[in-house]
Amino acid sequence: MTERPCAVSLDRSVSRDLRKMAPQDEAKALRALCALEANPLSGKPLKAAPKPARRLDFGLSGGWYLAAHLFLADEAQRIVFLVAPRGGFYAKAERRLQSLLRRLGMERQ
């Protein structure tokens, strides 16, 4: 099964996450996130989250980072809502996912 390309957008909180990084790490993270356009289902399912939410792992100079993203099939869009190091990632992802779903007017599945 081939996956159709989709648009990738960054939640406003992700912009703040990226600004906290060193410039070379920010560029690497953006390249990893842009790869989601060609392969929207890459990564692994996000634990304890609605089925379309996934995580993407990538390495930076400070260690391993994770990006949490939500796929909106009806709009063919992928929204990245968190980029953070592994420590405490899932608690942050849960909070940000709830906030994103409220803003989108979606219910938790």
PDB file of N, CA and C in Angstrom:
ATOM      1  N   MET A   1       0.845  -1.173   0.000  1.00  0.00           N
ATOM      2  CA  MET A   1       0.000   0.000   0.000  1.00  0.00           C
ATOM      3  C   MET A   1       0.893   1.240   0.000  1.00  0.00           C
ATOM      4  N   THR A   2       0.674   2.129  -0.939  1.00  0.00           N
ATOM      5  CA  THR A   2       1.437   3.363  -0.981  1.00  0.00           C
ATOM      6  C   THR A   2       0.673   4.448  -0.243  1.00  0.00           C
ATOM      7  N   GLU A   3       1.395   5.284   0.434  1.00  0.00           N
ATOM      8  CA  GLU A   3       0.776   6.355   1.191  1.00  0.00           C
ATOM      9  C   GLU A   3       0.765   7.612   0.342  1.00  0.00           C
ATOM     10  N   ARG A   4      -0.339   8.338   0.410  1.00  0.00           N
ATOM     11  CA  ARG A   4      -0.434   9.595  -0.320  1.00  0.00           C
ATOM     12  C   ARG A   4       0.276  10.686   0.464  1.00  0.00           C
ATOM     13  N   PRO A   5       0.945  11.591  -0.233  1.00  0.00           N
ATOM     14  CA  PRO A   5       1.588  12.706   0.466  1.00  0.00           C
ATOM     15  C   PRO A   5       0.543  13.572   1.160  1.00  0.00           C
ATOM     16  N   CYS A   6       0.938  14.230   2.210  1.00  0.00           N
ATOM     17  CA  CYS A   6       0.029  15.110   2.921  1.00  0.00           C
ATOM     18  C   CYS A   6       0.781  16.355   3.370  1.00  0.00           C
ATOM     19  N   ALA A   7       0.020  17.383   3.686  1.00  0.00           N
ATOM     20  CA  ALA A   7       0.622  18.620   4.189  1.00  0.00           C
ATOM     21  C   ALA A   7       0.996  18.424   5.657  1.00  0.00           C
ATOM     22  N   VAL A   8       2.125  18.976   6.039  1.00  0.00           N
ATOM     23  CA  VAL A   8       2.563  18.926   7.438  1.00  0.00           C
ATOM     24  C   VAL A   8       2.548  20.349   7.975  1.00  0.00           C
ATOM     25  N   SER A   9       1.846  20.542   9.093  1.00  0.00           N
ATOM     26  CA  SER A   9       1.846  21.857   9.730  1.00  0.00           C
ATOM     27  C   SER A   9       2.342  21.706  11.157  1.00  0.00           C
ATOM     28  N   LEU A  10       2.982  22.756  11.635  1.00  0.00           N
ATOM     29  CA  LEU A  10       3.506  22.760  12.995  1.00  0.00           C
ATOM     30  C   LEU A  10       2.567  23.547  13.887  1.00  0.00           C
ATOM     31  N   ASP A  11       2.182  22.955  14.996  1.00  0.00           N
ATOM     32  CA  ASP A  11       1.391  23.671  15.990  1.00  0.00           C
ATOM     33  C   ASP A  11       2.233  24.817  16.545  1.00  0.00           C
ATOM     34  N   ARG A  12       1.590  25.850  17.030  1.00  0.00           N
ATOM     35  CA  ARG A  12       2.342  27.015  17.519  1.00  0.00           C
ATOM     36  C   ARG A  12       3.288  26.654  18.661  1.00  0.00           C
ATOM     37  N   SER A  13       2.942  25.655  19.450  1.00  0.00           N
ATOM     38  CA  SER A  13       3.823  25.244  20.547  1.00  0.00           C
ATOM     39  C   SER A  13       5.112  24.595  20.026  1.00  0.00           C
ATOM     40  N   VAL A  14       5.061  23.977  18.860  1.00  0.00           N
ATOM     41  CA  VAL A  14       6.246  23.351  18.283  1.00  0.00           C
ATOM     42  C   VAL A  14       7.259  24.411  17.865  1.00  0.00           C
ATOM     43  N   SER A  15       6.773  25.541  17.409  1.00  0.00           N
ATOM     44  CA  SER A  15       7.689  26.636  17.063  1.00  0.00           C
ATOM     45  C   SER A  15       8.519  27.044  18.275  1.00  0.00           C
ATOM     46  N   ARG A  16       7.873  27.083  19.435  1.00  0.00           N
ATOM     47  CA  ARG A  16       8.600  27.401  20.669  1.00  0.00           C
ATOM     48  C   ARG A  16       9.577  26.279  21.024  1.00  0.00           C
ATOM     49  N   ASP A  17       9.168  25.025  20.833  1.00  0.00           N
ATOM     50  CA  ASP A  17      10.061  23.895  21.100  1.00  0.00           C
ATOM     51  C   ASP A  17      11.322  23.992  20.251  1.00  0.00           C
ATOM     52  N   LEU A  18      11.152  24.324  18.984  1.00  0.00           N
ATOM     53  CA  LEU A  18      12.285  24.372  18.060  1.00  0.00           C
ATOM     54  C   LEU A  18      13.215  25.544  18.363  1.00  0.00           C
ATOM     55  N   ARG A  19      12.666  26.663  18.789  1.00  0.00           N
ATOM     56  CA  ARG A  19      13.504  27.829  19.107  1.00  0.00           C
ATOM     57  C   ARG A  19      14.428  27.567  20.291  1.00  0.00           C
ATOM     58  N   LYS A  20      14.083  26.626  21.143  1.00  0.00           N
ATOM     59  CA  LYS A  20      14.918  26.296  22.305  1.00  0.00           C
ATOM     60  C   LYS A  20      16.159  25.500  21.918  1.00  0.00           C
ATOM     61  N   MET A  21      16.187  24.978  20.697  1.00  0.00           N
ATOM     62  CA  MET A  21      17.297  24.136  20.247  1.00  0.00           C
ATOM     63  C   MET A  21      18.419  24.977  19.642  1.00  0.00           C
ATOM     64  N   ALA A  22      19.590  24.379  19.565  1.00  0.00           N
ATOM     65  CA  ALA A  22      20.704  24.990  18.834  1.00  0.00           C
ATOM     66  C   ALA A  22      20.306  25.065  17.355  1.00  0.00           C
ATOM     67  N   PRO A  23      20.815  26.061  16.624  1.00  0.00           N
ATOM     68  CA  PRO A  23      20.409  26.218  15.214  1.00  0.00           C
ATOM     69  C   PRO A  23      20.602  24.967  14.355  1.00  0.00           C
ATOM     70  N   GLN A  24      21.723  24.252  14.531  1.00  0.00           N
ATOM     71  CA  GLN A  24      21.938  23.054  13.705  1.00  0.00           C
ATOM     72  C   GLN A  24      20.956  21.950  14.088  1.00  0.00           C
ATOM     73  N   ASP A  25      20.584  21.857  15.363  1.00  0.00           N
ATOM     74  CA  ASP A  25      19.600  20.852  15.779  1.00  0.00           C
ATOM     75  C   ASP A  25      18.208  21.222  15.284  1.00  0.00           C
ATOM     76  N   GLU A  26      17.897  22.504  15.294  1.00  0.00           N
ATOM     77  CA  GLU A  26      16.604  22.953  14.781  1.00  0.00           C
ATOM     78  C   GLU A  26      16.465  22.585  13.305  1.00  0.00           C
ATOM     79  N   ALA A  27      17.537  22.786  12.533  1.00  0.00           N
ATOM     80  CA  ALA A  27      17.510  22.438  11.110  1.00  0.00           C
ATOM     81  C   ALA A  27      17.338  20.933  10.907  1.00  0.00           C
ATOM     82  N   LYS A  28      18.025  20.127  11.704  1.00  0.00           N
ATOM     83  CA  LYS A  28      17.885  18.663  11.603  1.00  0.00           C
ATOM     84  C   LYS A  28      16.462  18.233  11.957  1.00  0.00           C
ATOM     85  N   ALA A  29      15.902  18.830  13.007  1.00  0.00           N
ATOM     86  CA  ALA A  29      14.541  18.491  13.426  1.00  0.00           C
ATOM     87  C   ALA A  29      13.542  18.854  12.329  1.00  0.00           C
ATOM     88  N   LEU A  30      13.706  20.014  11.720  1.00  0.00           N
ATOM     89  CA  LEU A  30      12.796  20.418  10.638  1.00  0.00           C
ATOM     90  C   LEU A  30      12.893  19.474   9.445  1.00  0.00           C
ATOM     91  N   ARG A  31      14.104  19.004   9.131  1.00  0.00           N
ATOM     92  CA  ARG A  31      14.251  18.035   8.033  1.00  0.00           C
ATOM     93  C   ARG A  31      13.503  16.734   8.359  1.00  0.00           C
ATOM     94  N   ALA A  32      13.617  16.283   9.603  1.00  0.00           N
ATOM     95  CA  ALA A  32      12.916  15.058  10.008  1.00  0.00           C
ATOM     96  C   ALA A  32      11.404  15.250   9.926  1.00  0.00           C
ATOM     97  N   LEU A  33      10.919  16.419  10.325  1.00  0.00           N
ATOM     98  CA  LEU A  33       9.484  16.686  10.282  1.00  0.00           C
ATOM     99  C   LEU A  33       8.983  16.844   8.851  1.00  0.00           C
ATOM    100  N   CYS A  34       9.781  17.412   7.987  1.00  0.00           N
ATOM    101  CA  CYS A  34       9.394  17.560   6.580  1.00  0.00           C
ATOM    102  C   CYS A  34       9.273  16.206   5.885  1.00  0.00           C
ATOM    103  N   ALA A  35      10.000  15.215   6.377  1.00  0.00           N
ATOM    104  CA  ALA A  35       9.907  13.868   5.800  1.00  0.00           C
ATOM    105  C   ALA A  35       8.510  13.277   5.980  1.00  0.00           C
ATOM    106  N   LEU A  36       7.745  13.818   6.919  1.00  0.00           N
ATOM    107  CA  LEU A  36       6.374  13.333   7.117  1.00  0.00           C
ATOM    108  C   LEU A  36       5.478  13.647   5.925  1.00  0.00           C
ATOM    109  N   GLU A  37       5.844  14.648   5.122  1.00  0.00           N
ATOM    110  CA  GLU A  37       5.030  14.978   3.950  1.00  0.00           C
ATOM    111  C   GLU A  37       4.983  13.808   2.973  1.00  0.00           C
ATOM    112  N   ALA A  38       6.106  13.183   2.735  1.00  0.00           N
ATOM    113  CA  ALA A  38       6.171  12.067   1.790  1.00  0.00           C
ATOM    114  C   ALA A  38       5.690  10.762   2.412  1.00  0.00           C
ATOM    115  N   ASN A  39       5.842  10.628   3.722  1.00  0.00           N
ATOM    116  CA  ASN A  39       5.498   9.388   4.407  1.00  0.00           C
ATOM    117  C   ASN A  39       4.709   9.720   5.678  1.00  0.00           C
ATOM    118  N   PRO A  40       3.418  10.072   5.549  1.00  0.00           N
ATOM    119  CA  PRO A  40       2.649  10.557   6.694  1.00  0.00           C
ATOM    120  C   PRO A  40       2.435   9.534   7.808  1.00  0.00           C
ATOM    121  N   LEU A  41       2.567   8.269   7.507  1.00  0.00           N
ATOM    122  CA  LEU A  41       2.334   7.251   8.540  1.00  0.00           C
ATOM    123  C   LEU A  41       3.635   6.728   9.131  1.00  0.00           C
ATOM    124  N   SER A  42       4.726   7.454   8.931  1.00  0.00           N
ATOM    125  CA  SER A  42       5.992   7.002   9.501  1.00  0.00           C
ATOM    126  C   SER A  42       5.965   7.177  11.011  1.00  0.00           C
ATOM    127  N   GLY A  43       6.838   6.463  11.673  1.00  0.00           N
ATOM    128  CA  GLY A  43       6.871   6.501  13.128  1.00  0.00           C
ATOM    129  C   GLY A  43       6.070   5.366  13.729  1.00  0.00           C
ATOM    130  N   LYS A  44       5.828   5.485  15.013  1.00  0.00           N
ATOM    131  CA  LYS A  44       5.113   4.452  15.759  1.00  0.00           C
ATOM    132  C   LYS A  44       3.897   5.067  16.426  1.00  0.00           C
ATOM    133  N   PRO A  45       2.881   4.251  16.740  1.00  0.00           N
ATOM    134  CA  PRO A  45       1.717   4.807  17.441  1.00  0.00           C
ATOM    135  C   PRO A  45       2.126   5.417  18.783  1.00  0.00           C
ATOM    136  N   LEU A  46       1.488   6.507  19.131  1.00  0.00           N
ATOM    137  CA  LEU A  46       1.746   7.173  20.397  1.00  0.00           C
ATOM    138  C   LEU A  46       0.974   6.430  21.481  1.00  0.00           C
ATOM    139  N   LYS A  47       1.656   6.056  22.552  1.00  0.00           N
ATOM    140  CA  LYS A  47       1.012   5.294  23.628  1.00  0.00           C
ATOM    141  C   LYS A  47      -0.125   6.101  24.255  1.00  0.00           C
ATOM    142  N   ALA A  48      -1.219   5.421  24.562  1.00  0.00           N
ATOM    143  CA  ALA A  48      -2.370   6.009  25.265  1.00  0.00           C
ATOM    144  C   ALA A  48      -2.909   7.242  24.562  1.00  0.00           C
ATOM    145  N   ALA A  49      -2.971   7.201  23.240  1.00  0.00           N
ATOM    146  CA  ALA A  49      -3.481   8.343  22.483  1.00  0.00           C
ATOM    147  C   ALA A  49      -4.438   7.824  21.413  1.00  0.00           C
ATOM    148  N   PRO A  50      -5.251   8.709  20.842  1.00  0.00           N
ATOM    149  CA  PRO A  50      -6.129   8.269  19.757  1.00  0.00           C
ATOM    150  C   PRO A  50      -5.322   7.656  18.623  1.00  0.00           C
ATOM    151  N   LYS A  51      -5.945   6.754  17.896  1.00  0.00           N
ATOM    152  CA  LYS A  51      -5.231   5.982  16.885  1.00  0.00           C
ATOM    153  C   LYS A  51      -4.463   6.821  15.867  1.00  0.00           C
ATOM    154  N   PRO A  52      -4.974   7.949  15.378  1.00  0.00           N
ATOM    155  CA  PRO A  52      -4.166   8.661  14.377  1.00  0.00           C
ATOM    156  C   PRO A  52      -2.939   9.372  14.939  1.00  0.00           C
ATOM    157  N   ALA A  53      -2.775   9.435  16.259  1.00  0.00           N
ATOM    158  CA  ALA A  53      -1.603  10.099  16.844  1.00  0.00           C
ATOM    159  C   ALA A  53      -0.410   9.144  16.809  1.00  0.00           C
ATOM    160  N   ARG A  54       0.736   9.675  16.361  1.00  0.00           N
ATOM    161  CA  ARG A  54       1.939   8.862  16.236  1.00  0.00           C
ATOM    162  C   ARG A  54       3.135   9.638  16.748  1.00  0.00           C
ATOM    163  N   ARG A  55       4.261   8.933  16.889  1.00  0.00           N
ATOM    164  CA  ARG A  55       5.505   9.583  17.294  1.00  0.00           C
ATOM    165  C   ARG A  55       6.588   9.255  16.277  1.00  0.00           C
ATOM    166  N   LEU A  56       7.521  10.185  16.139  1.00  0.00           N
ATOM    167  CA  LEU A  56       8.639  10.021  15.234  1.00  0.00           C
ATOM    168  C   LEU A  56       9.903  10.217  16.046  1.00  0.00           C
ATOM    169  N   ASP A  57      10.851   9.289  15.951  1.00  0.00           N
ATOM    170  CA  ASP A  57      12.117   9.372  16.692  1.00  0.00           C
ATOM    171  C   ASP A  57      13.204   9.887  15.760  1.00  0.00           C
ATOM    172  N   PHE A  58      14.060  10.778  16.273  1.00  0.00           N
ATOM    173  CA  PHE A  58      15.209  11.229  15.500  1.00  0.00           C
ATOM    174  C   PHE A  58      16.303  11.692  16.454  1.00  0.00           C
ATOM    175  N   GLY A  59      17.534  11.566  16.013  1.00  0.00           N
ATOM    176  CA  GLY A  59      18.682  11.909  16.847  1.00  0.00           C
ATOM    177  C   GLY A  59      19.201  13.304  16.563  1.00  0.00           C
ATOM    178  N   LEU A  60      19.537  14.017  17.623  1.00  0.00           N
ATOM    179  CA  LEU A  60      20.157  15.335  17.530  1.00  0.00           C
ATOM    180  C   LEU A  60      21.430  15.312  18.356  1.00  0.00           C
ATOM    181  N   SER A  61      22.172  16.398  18.348  1.00  0.00           N
ATOM    182  CA  SER A  61      23.441  16.410  19.077  1.00  0.00           C
ATOM    183  C   SER A  61      23.241  16.228  20.580  1.00  0.00           C
ATOM    184  N   GLY A  62      22.072  16.598  21.103  1.00  0.00           N
ATOM    185  CA  GLY A  62      21.800  16.452  22.527  1.00  0.00           C
ATOM    186  C   GLY A  62      21.212  15.103  22.906  1.00  0.00           C
ATOM    187  N   GLY A  63      21.044  14.210  21.964  1.00  0.00           N
ATOM    188  CA  GLY A  63      20.452  12.899  22.241  1.00  0.00           C
ATOM    189  C   GLY A  63      19.238  12.653  21.359  1.00  0.00           C
ATOM    190  N   TRP A  64      18.422  11.673  21.780  1.00  0.00           N
ATOM    191  CA  TRP A  64      17.241  11.305  21.001  1.00  0.00           C
ATOM    192  C   TRP A  64      16.076  12.218  21.338  1.00  0.00           C
ATOM    193  N   TYR A  65      15.380  12.641  20.288  1.00  0.00           N
ATOM    194  CA  TYR A  65      14.184  13.466  20.425  1.00  0.00           C
ATOM    195  C   TYR A  65      13.010  12.726  19.814  1.00  0.00           C
ATOM    196  N   LEU A  66      11.822  13.097  20.238  1.00  0.00           N
ATOM    197  CA  LEU A  66      10.590  12.523  19.705  1.00  0.00           C
ATOM    198  C   LEU A  66       9.698  13.664  19.233  1.00  0.00           C
ATOM    199  N   ALA A  67       8.949  13.414  18.187  1.00  0.00           N
ATOM    200  CA  ALA A  67       7.945  14.363  17.709  1.00  0.00           C
ATOM    201  C   ALA A  67       6.602  13.643  17.727  1.00  0.00           C
ATOM    202  N   ALA A  68       5.599  14.278  18.297  1.00  0.00           N
ATOM    203  CA  ALA A  68       4.245  13.716  18.309  1.00  0.00           C
ATOM    204  C   ALA A  68       3.444  14.405  17.212  1.00  0.00           C
ATOM    205  N   HIS A  69       2.734  13.611  16.415  1.00  0.00           N
ATOM    206  CA  HIS A  69       1.960  14.185  15.322  1.00  0.00           C
ATOM    207  C   HIS A  69       0.623  13.486  15.192  1.00  0.00           C
ATOM    208  N   LEU A  70      -0.361  14.233  14.704  1.00  0.00           N
ATOM    209  CA  LEU A  70      -1.729  13.757  14.563  1.00  0.00           C
ATOM    210  C   LEU A  70      -2.110  13.833  13.094  1.00  0.00           C
ATOM    211  N   PHE A  71      -2.668  12.752  12.560  1.00  0.00           N
ATOM    212  CA  PHE A  71      -3.066  12.704  11.158  1.00  0.00           C
ATOM    213  C   PHE A  71      -4.552  12.990  11.039  1.00  0.00           C
ATOM    214  N   LEU A  72      -4.890  13.981  10.227  1.00  0.00           N
ATOM    215  CA  LEU A  72      -6.284  14.300   9.937  1.00  0.00           C
ATOM    216  C   LEU A  72      -6.577  13.815   8.523  1.00  0.00           C
ATOM    217  N   ALA A  73      -7.167  12.632   8.412  1.00  0.00           N
ATOM    218  CA  ALA A  73      -7.349  11.979   7.111  1.00  0.00           C
ATOM    219  C   ALA A  73      -8.268  12.776   6.198  1.00  0.00           C
ATOM    220  N   ASP A  74      -9.338  13.343   6.738  1.00  0.00           N
ATOM    221  CA  ASP A  74     -10.285  14.060   5.888  1.00  0.00           C
ATOM    222  C   ASP A  74      -9.664  15.302   5.246  1.00  0.00           C
ATOM    223  N   GLU A  75      -8.657  15.875   5.879  1.00  0.00           N
ATOM    224  CA  GLU A  75      -7.983  17.053   5.337  1.00  0.00           C
ATOM    225  C   GLU A  75      -6.623  16.712   4.742  1.00  0.00           C
ATOM    226  N   ALA A  76      -6.229  15.454   4.776  1.00  0.00           N
ATOM    227  CA  ALA A  76      -4.901  15.010   4.319  1.00  0.00           C
ATOM    228  C   ALA A  76      -3.824  15.906   4.908  1.00  0.00           C
ATOM    229  N   GLN A  77      -3.886  16.063   6.219  1.00  0.00           N
ATOM    230  CA  GLN A  77      -2.947  16.946   6.921  1.00  0.00           C
ATOM    231  C   GLN A  77      -2.388  16.240   8.143  1.00  0.00           C
ATOM    232  N   ARG A  78      -1.133  16.511   8.421  1.00  0.00           N
ATOM    233  CA  ARG A  78      -0.444  15.987   9.596  1.00  0.00           C
ATOM    234  C   ARG A  78      -0.060  17.195  10.438  1.00  0.00           C
ATOM    235  N   ILE A  79      -0.503  17.226  11.707  1.00  0.00           N
ATOM    236  CA  ILE A  79      -0.179  18.327  12.611  1.00  0.00           C
ATOM    237  C   ILE A  79       0.827  17.824  13.640  1.00  0.00           C
ATOM    238  N   VAL A  80       1.997  18.437  13.671  1.00  0.00           N
ATOM    239  CA  VAL A  80       3.010  18.114  14.669  1.00  0.00           C
ATOM    240  C   VAL A  80       2.717  18.982  15.881  1.00  0.00           C
ATOM    241  N   PHE A  81       2.501  18.348  17.045  1.00  0.00           N
ATOM    242  CA  PHE A  81       2.127  19.129  18.222  1.00  0.00           C
ATOM    243  C   PHE A  81       3.140  19.085  19.360  1.00  0.00           C
ATOM    244  N   LEU A  82       4.241  18.336  19.209  1.00  0.00           N
ATOM    245  CA  LEU A  82       5.279  18.324  20.238  1.00  0.00           C
ATOM    246  C   LEU A  82       6.590  17.821  19.654  1.00  0.00           C
ATOM    247  N   VAL A  83       7.677  18.515  19.985  1.00  0.00           N
ATOM    248  CA  VAL A  83       9.033  18.051  19.712  1.00  0.00           C
ATOM    249  C   VAL A  83       9.779  18.210  21.028  1.00  0.00           C
ATOM    250  N   ALA A  84      10.278  17.099  21.581  1.00  0.00           N
ATOM    251  CA  ALA A  84      10.908  17.150  22.906  1.00  0.00           C
ATOM    252  C   ALA A  84      11.850  15.969  23.085  1.00  0.00           C
ATOM    253  N   PRO A  85      12.786  16.097  24.053  1.00  0.00           N
ATOM    254  CA  PRO A  85      13.624  14.941  24.384  1.00  0.00           C
ATOM    255  C   PRO A  85      12.779  13.845  25.030  1.00  0.00           C
ATOM    256  N   ARG A  86      13.337  12.669  25.159  1.00  0.00           N
ATOM    257  CA  ARG A  86      12.575  11.516  25.642  1.00  0.00           C
ATOM    258  C   ARG A  86      12.065  11.668  27.065  1.00  0.00           C
ATOM    259  N   GLY A  87      12.795  12.335  27.935  1.00  0.00           N
ATOM    260  CA  GLY A  87      12.384  12.457  29.339  1.00  0.00           C
ATOM    261  C   GLY A  87      11.090  13.238  29.501  1.00  0.00           C
ATOM    262  N   GLY A  88      10.062  12.611  30.016  1.00  0.00           N
ATOM    263  CA  GLY A  88       8.775  13.264  30.252  1.00  0.00           C
ATOM    264  C   GLY A  88       7.963  13.503  28.992  1.00  0.00           C
ATOM    265  N   PHE A  89       8.346  12.872  27.899  1.00  0.00           N
ATOM    266  CA  PHE A  89       7.694  13.117  26.615  1.00  0.00           C
ATOM    267  C   PHE A  89       6.208  12.757  26.637  1.00  0.00           C
ATOM    268  N   TYR A  90       5.876  11.601  27.172  1.00  0.00           N
ATOM    269  CA  TYR A  90       4.489  11.140  27.069  1.00  0.00           C
ATOM    270  C   TYR A  90       3.520  11.992  27.884  1.00  0.00           C
ATOM    271  N   ALA A  91       3.939  12.485  29.033  1.00  0.00           N
ATOM    272  CA  ALA A  91       3.072  13.371  29.827  1.00  0.00           C
ATOM    273  C   ALA A  91       2.830  14.677  29.078  1.00  0.00           C
ATOM    274  N   LYS A  92       3.886  15.244  28.482  1.00  0.00           N
ATOM    275  CA  LYS A  92       3.733  16.472  27.702  1.00  0.00           C
ATOM    276  C   LYS A  92       2.844  16.224  26.488  1.00  0.00           C
ATOM    277  N   ALA A  93       3.050  15.089  25.830  1.00  0.00           N
ATOM    278  CA  ALA A  93       2.271  14.771  24.637  1.00  0.00           C
ATOM    279  C   ALA A  93       0.794  14.653  24.970  1.00  0.00           C
ATOM    280  N   GLU A  94       0.477  14.040  26.080  1.00  0.00           N
ATOM    281  CA  GLU A  94      -0.926  13.894  26.488  1.00  0.00           C
ATOM    282  C   GLU A  94      -1.574  15.263  26.704  1.00  0.00           C
ATOM    283  N   ARG A  95      -0.867  16.156  27.405  1.00  0.00           N
ATOM    284  CA  ARG A  95      -1.419  17.498  27.655  1.00  0.00           C
ATOM    285  C   ARG A  95      -1.613  18.269  26.348  1.00  0.00           C
ATOM    286  N   ARG A  96      -0.600  18.234  25.511  1.00  0.00           N
ATOM    287  CA  ARG A  96      -0.702  18.992  24.257  1.00  0.00           C
ATOM    288  C   ARG A  96      -1.736  18.398  23.308  1.00  0.00           C
ATOM    289  N   LEU A  97      -1.873  17.089  23.309  1.00  0.00           N
ATOM    290  CA  LEU A  97      -2.881  16.464  22.459  1.00  0.00           C
ATOM    291  C   LEU A  97      -4.273  16.881  22.896  1.00  0.00           C
ATOM    292  N   GLN A  98      -4.523  16.882  24.204  1.00  0.00           N
ATOM    293  CA  GLN A  98      -5.830  17.315  24.702  1.00  0.00           C
ATOM    294  C   GLN A  98      -6.122  18.755  24.291  1.00  0.00           C
ATOM    295  N   SER A  99      -5.129  19.622  24.415  1.00  0.00           N
ATOM    296  CA  SER A  99      -5.287  21.020  24.022  1.00  0.00           C
ATOM    297  C   SER A  99      -5.573  21.145  22.524  1.00  0.00           C
ATOM    298  N   LEU A 100      -4.832  20.405  21.713  1.00  0.00           N
ATOM    299  CA  LEU A 100      -5.028  20.444  20.269  1.00  0.00           C
ATOM    300  C   LEU A 100      -6.422  19.955  19.894  1.00  0.00           C
ATOM    301  N   LEU A 101      -6.860  18.856  20.491  1.00  0.00           N
ATOM    302  CA  LEU A 101      -8.185  18.320  20.177  1.00  0.00           C
ATOM    303  C   LEU A 101      -9.285  19.303  20.560  1.00  0.00           C
ATOM    304  N   ARG A 102      -9.113  20.004  21.682  1.00  0.00           N
ATOM    305  CA  ARG A 102     -10.101  21.021  22.074  1.00  0.00           C
ATOM    306  C   ARG A 102     -10.145  22.150  21.049  1.00  0.00           C
ATOM    307  N   ARG A 103      -8.972  22.610  20.614  1.00  0.00           N
ATOM    308  CA  ARG A 103      -8.934  23.702  19.628  1.00  0.00           C
ATOM    309  C   ARG A 103      -9.537  23.281  18.300  1.00  0.00           C
ATOM    310  N   LEU A 104      -9.362  22.015  17.923  1.00  0.00           N
ATOM    311  CA  LEU A 104      -9.913  21.511  16.657  1.00  0.00           C
ATOM    312  C   LEU A 104     -11.382  21.133  16.780  1.00  0.00           C
ATOM    313  N   GLY A 105     -11.908  21.118  18.008  1.00  0.00           N
ATOM    314  CA  GLY A 105     -13.288  20.725  18.239  1.00  0.00           C
ATOM    315  C   GLY A 105     -13.521  19.249  18.067  1.00  0.00           C
ATOM    316  N   MET A 106     -12.503  18.450  18.343  1.00  0.00           N
ATOM    317  CA  MET A 106     -12.602  16.995  18.210  1.00  0.00           C
ATOM    318  C   MET A 106     -12.711  16.369  19.587  1.00  0.00           C
ATOM    319  N   GLU A 107     -13.372  15.224  19.638  1.00  0.00           N
ATOM    320  CA  GLU A 107     -13.477  14.464  20.876  1.00  0.00           C
ATOM    321  C   GLU A 107     -12.371  13.430  20.930  1.00  0.00           C
ATOM    322  N   ARG A 108     -11.964  13.094  22.122  1.00  0.00           N
ATOM    323  CA  ARG A 108     -10.976  12.037  22.330  1.00  0.00           C
ATOM    324  C   ARG A 108     -11.610  10.704  21.974  1.00  0.00           C
ATOM    325  N   GLN A 109     -10.894   9.888  21.206  1.00  0.00           N
ATOM    326  CA  GLN A 109     -11.435   8.576  20.787  1.00  0.00           C
ATOM    327  C   GLN A 109     -11.192   7.553  21.846  1.00  0.00           C
TER     328      GLN A 109
END
